[in-house]
Protein backbone atom coordinates (compact mmCIF):
# COMPACT_ATOMS: atom_id res chain seq x y z
CA MET A 1 23.10 33.11 0.30
CA ARG A 2 26.25 31.84 -1.42
CA ILE A 3 25.53 30.90 -5.03
CA ALA A 4 28.18 29.03 -7.06
CA LEU A 5 27.97 30.02 -10.73
CA ASP A 6 29.50 27.83 -13.44
CA ALA A 7 31.06 30.84 -15.16
CA MET A 8 32.50 28.88 -18.09
CA GLY A 9 29.23 27.42 -19.38
CA GLY A 10 26.74 28.89 -21.85
CA ASP A 11 26.78 29.95 -25.48
CA HIS A 12 27.92 33.55 -24.95
CA GLY A 13 31.05 32.96 -22.91
CA SER A 14 31.64 34.41 -19.47
CA ASP A 15 30.60 38.03 -20.11
CA GLN A 16 26.83 37.57 -19.83
CA LEU A 17 27.22 35.21 -16.88
CA ILE A 18 29.35 37.67 -14.95
CA ALA A 19 27.10 40.58 -15.91
CA GLY A 20 24.17 38.64 -14.44
CA ALA A 21 26.17 37.89 -11.30
CA LEU A 22 26.91 41.59 -10.85
CA GLU A 23 23.24 42.47 -11.26
CA ALA A 24 22.24 39.81 -8.73
CA VAL A 25 24.79 40.96 -6.17
CA CYS A 26 23.62 44.56 -6.58
CA ALA A 27 19.90 43.73 -6.47
CA PHE A 28 19.73 40.95 -3.87
CA GLY A 29 22.92 41.16 -1.82
CA HIS A 30 23.84 37.49 -2.23
CA GLN A 31 27.40 36.26 -2.52
CA VAL A 32 28.35 34.76 -5.88
CA ILE A 33 31.24 32.34 -6.38
CA LEU A 34 32.45 32.35 -9.99
CA VAL A 35 33.84 28.92 -10.88
CA GLY A 36 36.26 28.67 -13.81
CA ASP A 37 39.56 29.87 -15.20
CA GLN A 38 40.67 32.63 -12.84
CA GLN A 39 42.57 34.66 -15.42
CA ILE A 40 39.65 34.73 -17.85
CA LEU A 41 37.08 35.43 -15.14
CA GLN A 42 39.09 38.16 -13.43
CA ARG A 43 39.55 40.00 -16.71
CA ALA A 44 35.88 39.63 -17.59
CA LEU A 45 34.81 40.73 -14.11
CA GLU A 46 36.83 43.94 -14.31
CA GLN A 47 35.41 44.72 -17.74
CA GLN A 48 31.81 43.96 -16.78
CA ALA A 49 32.15 45.97 -13.56
CA LYS A 50 32.99 49.07 -15.62
CA ILE A 51 30.03 48.46 -17.92
CA HIS A 52 27.74 47.82 -14.98
CA LEU A 53 28.81 51.02 -13.23
CA ALA A 54 28.37 53.05 -16.41
CA ASN A 55 24.80 51.77 -16.78
CA CYS A 56 23.85 52.28 -13.12
CA SER A 57 21.23 54.90 -12.36
CA GLY A 58 21.75 57.47 -9.64
CA ASP A 59 19.70 55.54 -7.09
CA CYS A 60 21.51 52.24 -7.74
CA ALA A 61 23.45 50.92 -4.77
CA CYS A 62 26.41 50.06 -7.01
CA ALA A 63 26.73 53.67 -8.08
CA ARG A 64 27.41 54.59 -4.46
CA ASP A 65 29.80 51.79 -3.55
CA LEU A 66 30.75 49.34 -6.30
CA ASP A 67 33.70 47.95 -4.33
CA ALA A 68 31.40 46.78 -1.54
CA HIS A 69 29.37 44.79 -4.04
CA LEU A 70 32.43 43.42 -5.81
CA SER A 71 33.63 42.11 -2.44
CA ARG A 72 30.66 39.70 -2.54
CA ILE A 73 32.03 38.08 -5.71
CA SER A 74 34.86 35.56 -5.46
CA ILE A 75 36.54 33.18 -7.91
CA VAL A 76 37.36 29.49 -7.52
CA HIS A 77 39.91 28.48 -10.14
CA THR A 78 39.41 25.42 -12.35
CA THR A 79 41.38 24.23 -15.36
CA GLN A 80 38.74 22.35 -17.38
CA VAL A 81 35.37 22.91 -19.06
CA VAL A 82 32.78 20.39 -20.26
CA GLY A 83 31.77 21.59 -23.73
CA MET A 84 28.19 21.82 -24.90
CA GLU A 85 28.72 19.04 -27.46
CA GLU A 86 30.60 16.66 -25.16
CA SER A 87 29.14 13.48 -23.75
CA PRO A 88 27.92 14.43 -20.26
CA LEU A 89 29.13 11.27 -18.54
CA ASP A 90 32.49 11.24 -20.31
CA GLY A 91 32.98 14.91 -19.55
CA ILE A 92 32.32 14.47 -15.85
CA ARG A 93 34.46 11.33 -15.55
CA LYS A 94 37.44 12.62 -17.49
CA LYS A 95 37.35 16.25 -16.40
CA LYS A 96 37.39 16.14 -12.62
CA ASP A 97 38.51 19.78 -12.45
CA SER A 98 35.73 21.04 -14.72
CA SER A 99 33.88 24.17 -13.64
CA ILE A 100 30.51 22.43 -13.32
CA ARG A 101 31.85 19.54 -11.24
CA VAL A 102 33.79 21.83 -8.92
CA ALA A 103 30.70 24.03 -8.50
CA PHE A 104 28.75 21.07 -7.14
CA GLN A 105 31.73 20.05 -5.00
CA LEU A 106 31.42 23.47 -3.33
CA LEU A 107 27.77 22.68 -2.65
CA HIS A 108 28.67 19.27 -1.22
CA GLN A 109 31.34 20.86 0.98
CA GLN A 110 28.79 23.44 2.20
CA ARG A 111 30.90 26.25 0.81
CA ALA A 112 27.94 27.20 -1.39
CA ASP A 113 24.18 27.05 -0.82
CA ALA A 114 23.18 26.48 -4.46
CA VAL A 115 24.58 26.09 -7.98
CA VAL A 116 23.57 27.87 -11.20
CA SER A 117 24.78 26.70 -14.62
CA ALA A 118 24.06 27.59 -18.24
CA GLY A 119 26.44 24.93 -19.51
CA ASN A 120 25.93 21.38 -20.77
CA SER A 121 22.61 20.32 -19.20
CA GLY A 122 23.45 16.62 -19.16
CA ALA A 123 26.82 17.30 -17.56
CA THR A 124 25.15 19.56 -14.98
CA LEU A 125 22.75 16.77 -14.02
CA ALA A 126 25.53 14.16 -13.96
CA ALA A 127 27.81 16.36 -11.84
CA ALA A 128 24.97 17.12 -9.44
CA ILE A 129 24.14 13.45 -8.88
CA LYS A 130 27.82 12.55 -8.61
CA GLU A 131 28.71 15.22 -6.06
CA VAL A 132 25.58 15.76 -3.93
CA GLY A 133 23.38 12.75 -4.73
CA ARG A 134 19.60 12.47 -4.54
CA LEU A 135 17.12 13.20 -1.79
CA PRO A 136 16.06 10.13 0.24
CA GLY A 137 13.38 8.19 -1.60
CA ILE A 138 13.79 10.04 -4.92
CA ALA A 139 14.43 7.68 -7.83
CA ARG A 140 15.36 10.34 -10.38
CA PRO A 141 15.88 14.09 -10.14
CA GLY A 142 14.16 16.09 -12.86
CA ILE A 143 14.05 19.57 -14.34
CA ALA A 144 11.02 21.75 -13.63
CA GLY A 145 10.09 24.23 -16.36
CA ILE A 146 7.99 27.35 -15.78
CA PHE A 147 5.46 28.26 -18.48
CA PRO A 148 3.39 31.46 -18.75
CA THR A 149 -0.39 30.98 -18.90
CA LEU A 150 -3.54 33.10 -19.06
CA LYS A 151 -3.62 32.83 -15.25
CA GLN A 152 -0.76 31.97 -12.91
CA PRO A 153 2.52 30.38 -14.11
CA LEU A 154 2.51 26.63 -14.75
CA VAL A 155 5.19 24.18 -13.57
CA MET A 156 5.91 21.36 -16.02
CA MET A 157 8.09 18.42 -15.02
CA ASP A 158 10.18 16.81 -16.39
CA VAL A 159 11.43 19.03 -19.25
CA GLY A 160 14.53 17.14 -20.30
CA ALA A 161 16.42 15.21 -17.64
CA ASN A 162 14.73 11.81 -18.09
CA VAL A 163 13.56 10.75 -21.54
CA ASP A 164 12.63 7.19 -20.51
CA CYS A 165 10.49 6.98 -17.39
CA ARG A 166 8.40 4.62 -15.31
CA PRO A 167 5.08 5.49 -13.64
CA GLN A 168 6.71 5.93 -10.24
CA HIS A 169 9.08 8.51 -11.72
CA LEU A 170 6.19 10.60 -13.05
CA TYR A 171 4.43 10.28 -9.71
CA GLN A 172 7.50 11.64 -7.95
CA PHE A 173 7.75 14.43 -10.54
CA ALA A 174 4.20 15.39 -9.58
CA ILE A 175 5.15 15.52 -5.90
CA MET A 176 8.30 17.57 -6.52
CA ALA A 177 6.59 19.99 -8.92
CA THR A 178 3.74 20.46 -6.44
CA ALA A 179 6.19 21.32 -3.67
CA PHE A 180 7.98 23.71 -6.03
CA SER A 181 4.72 25.43 -7.00
CA LYS A 182 3.84 25.88 -3.35
CA ALA A 183 7.27 27.29 -2.48
CA LEU A 184 7.76 29.68 -5.41
CA PHE A 185 4.21 30.82 -6.13
CA GLY A 186 2.55 30.34 -2.76
CA ILE A 187 -0.25 28.09 -4.07
CA ASP A 188 -1.79 26.10 -1.19
CA GLN A 189 -3.11 23.13 -3.17
CA PRO A 190 -1.62 23.17 -6.69
CA LYS A 191 -3.86 21.53 -9.27
CA VAL A 192 -2.07 18.67 -11.01
CA GLY A 193 -2.66 17.44 -14.56
CA LEU A 194 -1.08 14.58 -16.52
CA LEU A 195 -0.12 15.50 -20.08
CA SER A 196 -1.77 13.10 -22.54
CA ILE A 197 -3.45 12.94 -25.95
CA GLY A 198 -6.94 13.11 -24.46
CA GLU A 199 -8.75 14.09 -21.29
CA GLU A 200 -10.22 10.63 -20.74
CA GLY A 201 -8.41 8.39 -18.28
CA GLY A 202 -8.11 5.60 -20.85
CA LYS A 203 -6.22 7.78 -23.34
CA GLY A 204 -2.44 7.78 -23.77
CA ASN A 205 0.36 5.24 -23.90
CA ALA A 206 1.04 2.59 -21.26
CA LEU A 207 3.15 4.99 -19.19
CA VAL A 208 0.43 7.64 -19.08
CA LYS A 209 -2.35 5.15 -18.30
CA SER A 210 -0.42 3.60 -15.41
CA THR A 211 0.58 7.00 -14.05
CA HIS A 212 -3.03 8.19 -14.25
CA GLU A 213 -4.12 5.39 -11.92
CA ILE A 214 -1.34 6.16 -9.45
CA LEU A 215 -2.11 9.88 -9.38
CA ARG A 216 -5.83 9.20 -9.08
CA GLN A 217 -5.18 7.23 -5.86
CA SER A 218 -2.75 9.78 -4.44
CA SER A 219 -3.42 12.62 -2.00
CA LEU A 220 -2.33 15.19 -4.59
CA ASN A 221 -4.90 17.61 -6.02
CA TYR A 222 -5.06 15.62 -9.25
CA LEU A 223 -7.57 16.79 -11.87
CA GLY A 224 -6.86 14.09 -14.47
CA ASN A 225 -5.45 14.06 -17.98
CA VAL A 226 -4.82 17.34 -19.81
CA GLU A 227 -3.93 17.95 -23.44
CA GLY A 228 -1.23 20.05 -25.06
CA ARG A 229 -3.68 22.86 -25.79
CA ASP A 230 -4.24 23.21 -22.03
CA VAL A 231 -0.63 24.19 -21.26
CA PHE A 232 -1.23 27.93 -21.57
CA ARG A 233 -4.79 28.11 -20.26
CA GLY A 234 -3.76 28.04 -16.62
CA ASP A 235 -6.43 25.60 -15.44
CA VAL A 236 -3.75 23.47 -13.75
CA ASP A 237 -0.71 24.58 -11.77
CA VAL A 238 1.41 21.47 -12.36
CA MET A 239 1.67 19.42 -15.54
CA VAL A 240 3.44 16.05 -15.43
CA CYS A 241 5.18 14.29 -18.32
CA ASP A 242 8.40 12.47 -19.17
CA GLY A 243 11.49 14.44 -20.14
CA PHE A 244 11.17 13.67 -23.87
CA VAL A 245 7.67 15.11 -24.16
CA GLY A 246 8.46 17.95 -21.76
CA ASN A 247 11.53 19.05 -23.67
CA VAL A 248 9.60 19.05 -26.94
CA CYS A 249 6.94 21.22 -25.28
CA LEU A 250 9.60 23.57 -23.92
CA LYS A 251 11.46 24.02 -27.20
CA LEU A 252 8.23 24.29 -29.21
CA SER A 253 6.98 27.01 -26.86
CA GLU A 254 10.24 28.94 -27.11
CA GLY A 255 10.22 28.74 -30.89
CA LEU A 256 6.57 29.79 -31.11
CA ALA A 257 7.12 32.78 -28.83
CA GLU A 258 10.09 33.96 -30.91
CA ALA A 259 8.17 33.48 -34.16
CA LEU A 260 5.16 35.42 -32.87
CA VAL A 261 7.35 38.32 -31.76
CA SER A 262 9.00 38.42 -35.20
CA MET A 263 5.63 38.24 -36.99
CA LEU A 264 4.24 41.00 -34.80
CA ARG A 265 7.27 43.21 -35.39
CA GLU A 266 6.95 42.69 -39.12
CA GLU A 267 3.24 43.58 -39.15
CA LEU A 268 3.75 46.65 -36.96
CA THR A 269 6.26 48.16 -39.39
CA LYS A 270 4.26 47.60 -42.59
CA SER A 271 2.37 50.89 -42.63
CA LEU A 272 2.09 54.24 -40.92
CA LYS A 273 -1.20 53.19 -39.31
CA SER A 274 0.32 50.09 -37.76
CA LYS A 275 3.25 52.13 -36.44
CA VAL A 276 0.87 54.60 -34.82
CA GLY A 277 -1.12 51.70 -33.40
CA TYR A 278 2.02 50.27 -31.88
CA LEU A 279 2.86 53.59 -30.20
CA LEU A 280 -0.57 53.58 -28.57
CA THR A 281 -0.34 49.98 -27.35
CA ARG A 282 3.38 49.43 -26.81
CA LYS A 283 2.97 49.16 -23.04
CA ALA A 284 0.63 46.20 -23.53
CA TYR A 285 3.08 44.59 -25.95
CA ALA A 286 5.90 45.10 -23.44
CA ASN A 287 3.84 43.42 -20.70
CA VAL A 288 3.10 40.42 -22.93
CA LYS A 289 6.76 40.11 -23.85
CA LYS A 290 7.71 40.15 -20.17
CA ARG A 291 5.17 37.42 -19.34
CA THR A 292 6.56 35.16 -22.06
CA ASP A 293 10.26 35.87 -21.42
CA TYR A 294 12.11 32.78 -20.14
CA ALA A 295 14.63 35.10 -18.48
CA GLU A 296 12.07 36.16 -15.86
CA TYR A 297 12.75 32.95 -13.91
CA GLY A 298 16.25 32.32 -15.20
CA GLY A 299 16.11 28.57 -15.65
CA GLY A 300 14.71 25.27 -14.47
CA PRO A 301 15.47 23.95 -10.99
CA LEU A 302 16.87 20.44 -10.65
CA LEU A 303 14.39 18.97 -8.19
CA GLY A 304 15.18 15.80 -6.27
CA LEU A 305 18.83 16.62 -5.60
CA ASN A 306 20.27 16.63 -2.12
CA GLY A 307 20.98 20.29 -2.73
CA THR A 308 19.79 23.13 -4.96
CA GLY A 309 20.74 23.51 -8.62
CA ILE A 310 19.38 25.62 -11.47
CA ILE A 311 19.90 24.73 -15.14
CA CYS A 312 19.73 27.78 -17.40
CA HIS A 313 19.30 28.01 -21.15
CA GLY A 314 22.60 27.88 -23.02
CA ARG A 315 21.94 31.30 -24.53
CA SER A 316 20.95 32.92 -21.25
CA ASN A 317 21.54 36.65 -21.01
CA ALA A 318 22.50 38.63 -17.92
CA LYS A 319 18.86 39.04 -16.88
CA ALA A 320 18.32 35.27 -16.94
CA ILE A 321 21.41 34.62 -14.82
CA LYS A 322 20.39 37.31 -12.34
CA ASN A 323 16.95 35.77 -11.92
CA ALA A 324 18.33 32.23 -11.75
CA ILE A 325 20.47 33.33 -8.80
CA ARG A 326 17.38 34.91 -7.22
CA VAL A 327 15.27 31.76 -7.66
CA ALA A 328 18.07 29.53 -6.35
CA ALA A 329 18.30 31.60 -3.17
CA GLU A 330 14.51 31.60 -2.76
CA LEU A 331 14.35 27.80 -3.01
CA VAL A 332 17.00 27.42 -0.31
CA ALA A 333 15.29 29.98 1.92
CA ASN A 334 11.91 28.29 1.48
CA GLY A 335 13.26 24.84 2.40
CA MET A 336 12.40 23.35 -0.98
CA ASN A 337 14.09 20.01 -0.39
CA GLN A 338 12.56 19.54 3.05
CA ARG A 339 9.13 20.15 1.53
CA ILE A 340 9.75 17.43 -1.04
CA VAL A 341 10.95 14.93 1.57
CA GLU A 342 7.92 15.63 3.76
CA MET A 343 5.47 15.29 0.87
CA LEU A 344 7.10 12.06 -0.27
CA GLY A 345 7.06 10.70 3.27
CA SER A 346 3.34 11.42 3.64
CA SER A 347 2.53 9.80 0.29
CA THR A 348 -0.60 7.68 0.35
CA VAL A 349 0.46 5.60 -2.65
CA GLN A 350 2.59 2.48 -2.26
CA MET A 351 4.38 1.08 -5.30
CA ASP A 352 6.72 -1.79 -5.89
CA GLY A 353 10.11 -0.68 -7.13
CA GLN A 354 9.63 2.96 -6.12
CA GLU A 355 13.36 3.30 -5.58
CA GLY A 356 14.21 1.80 -8.95
CA GLU A 357 16.31 3.56 -11.51
C-alpha cells in the first residue's frame, strides 16, 4: 500500500509523524509518501532514522537493513500548510499547494492508496471532498470514532464532521459505521444503537425521533435507542449520533481517561502499601491503559469519501501515526468503500431528499 502522510500537520511538528512513518514501514512494509516542505522533512527523516535505528532491537528488520526500509519512504514537496487555527475552507481555497490538499491530490491521481493526517480536521475533510469527492449516494462523509468497551470495540459516528444533520444523514452514518465494523472487527451483523436521552423510542429531539423510525424500518441490526451510559458497556457495536454530540462524547471520554490515569497514579504513590500493590498488579494496569489508548487505532476514518482518509488527533504520537497507517491500509485491502456502496444500494428504506446536503 502507498499511504500519503500529511507530514506538516499535528501539534508536535514533523518529528512524531515521521517517527510513526518509520515504524509503520518497518512493521508493515507499506510505502509512505511524506507530503510537505522537502528541506524540513528530509532533515527530520535523517534525524528520526538515527533514533529509530538506535532503539531497534536485535530482531528488528530495520536493524539488519535500514536503507531498504528508508527506500519505501519518499517526499512530495509542498510550500504551504493549513494551520490548526485557520478556517478550513479559506485554508483550502487560498492554499492550493498545502500539504493536506496535495496529499488528497495524490489519492485522486492514484499515486497513493490512502491519506493520513493529524492536521486541521476541518481542512482535511474539506480537502478530501474537494479532491476525491463522495461515494455515490452518500450525502455527507463522516468521521468514525473507535471507543473501548467492556466487550468488543464500539464504532461511533459521526464524531465531529457534521454538527447539523438530517435523519437521512444519521441513517447513512449507521450504514457506513456498520460496514466499517464488519471490515475492521469482523463482526457479521453489528448491533446498531441510536444515541439518545432515553431508551424509549419516543425520547430525544426531533432529529433522534425521526432517525429512530427510519432505522427501525431498515434492514440494519437496529436495537433501538441507547443512552450515554451504554457507550462503554459493549452491548452495541455501532452507535449513531450527529457530529456535535459525537465530538462531545469523544472529548469527554479522552478527558475522563486522562483524569483517571492521573488519579490512579496519585493514589498508587501515596504509601508503601499502594506502591507494593502496584508492583503486583502493574500488568493489569498496563492492559487497561492499552485498551483505553486512542493510539491503538491511530485515528478516525473519513467514511463516505471516494477514497480512504484517516483523521488523527492533533497531538498524535508516533504510535498513533503508525497504527493510523496500518488501519488505512487495512480499509483499502478490505474494500471498505465497496462495502458501503453495496450496503447503501441494498437499503430497504426510501427517503425523500436522501441526496440532500
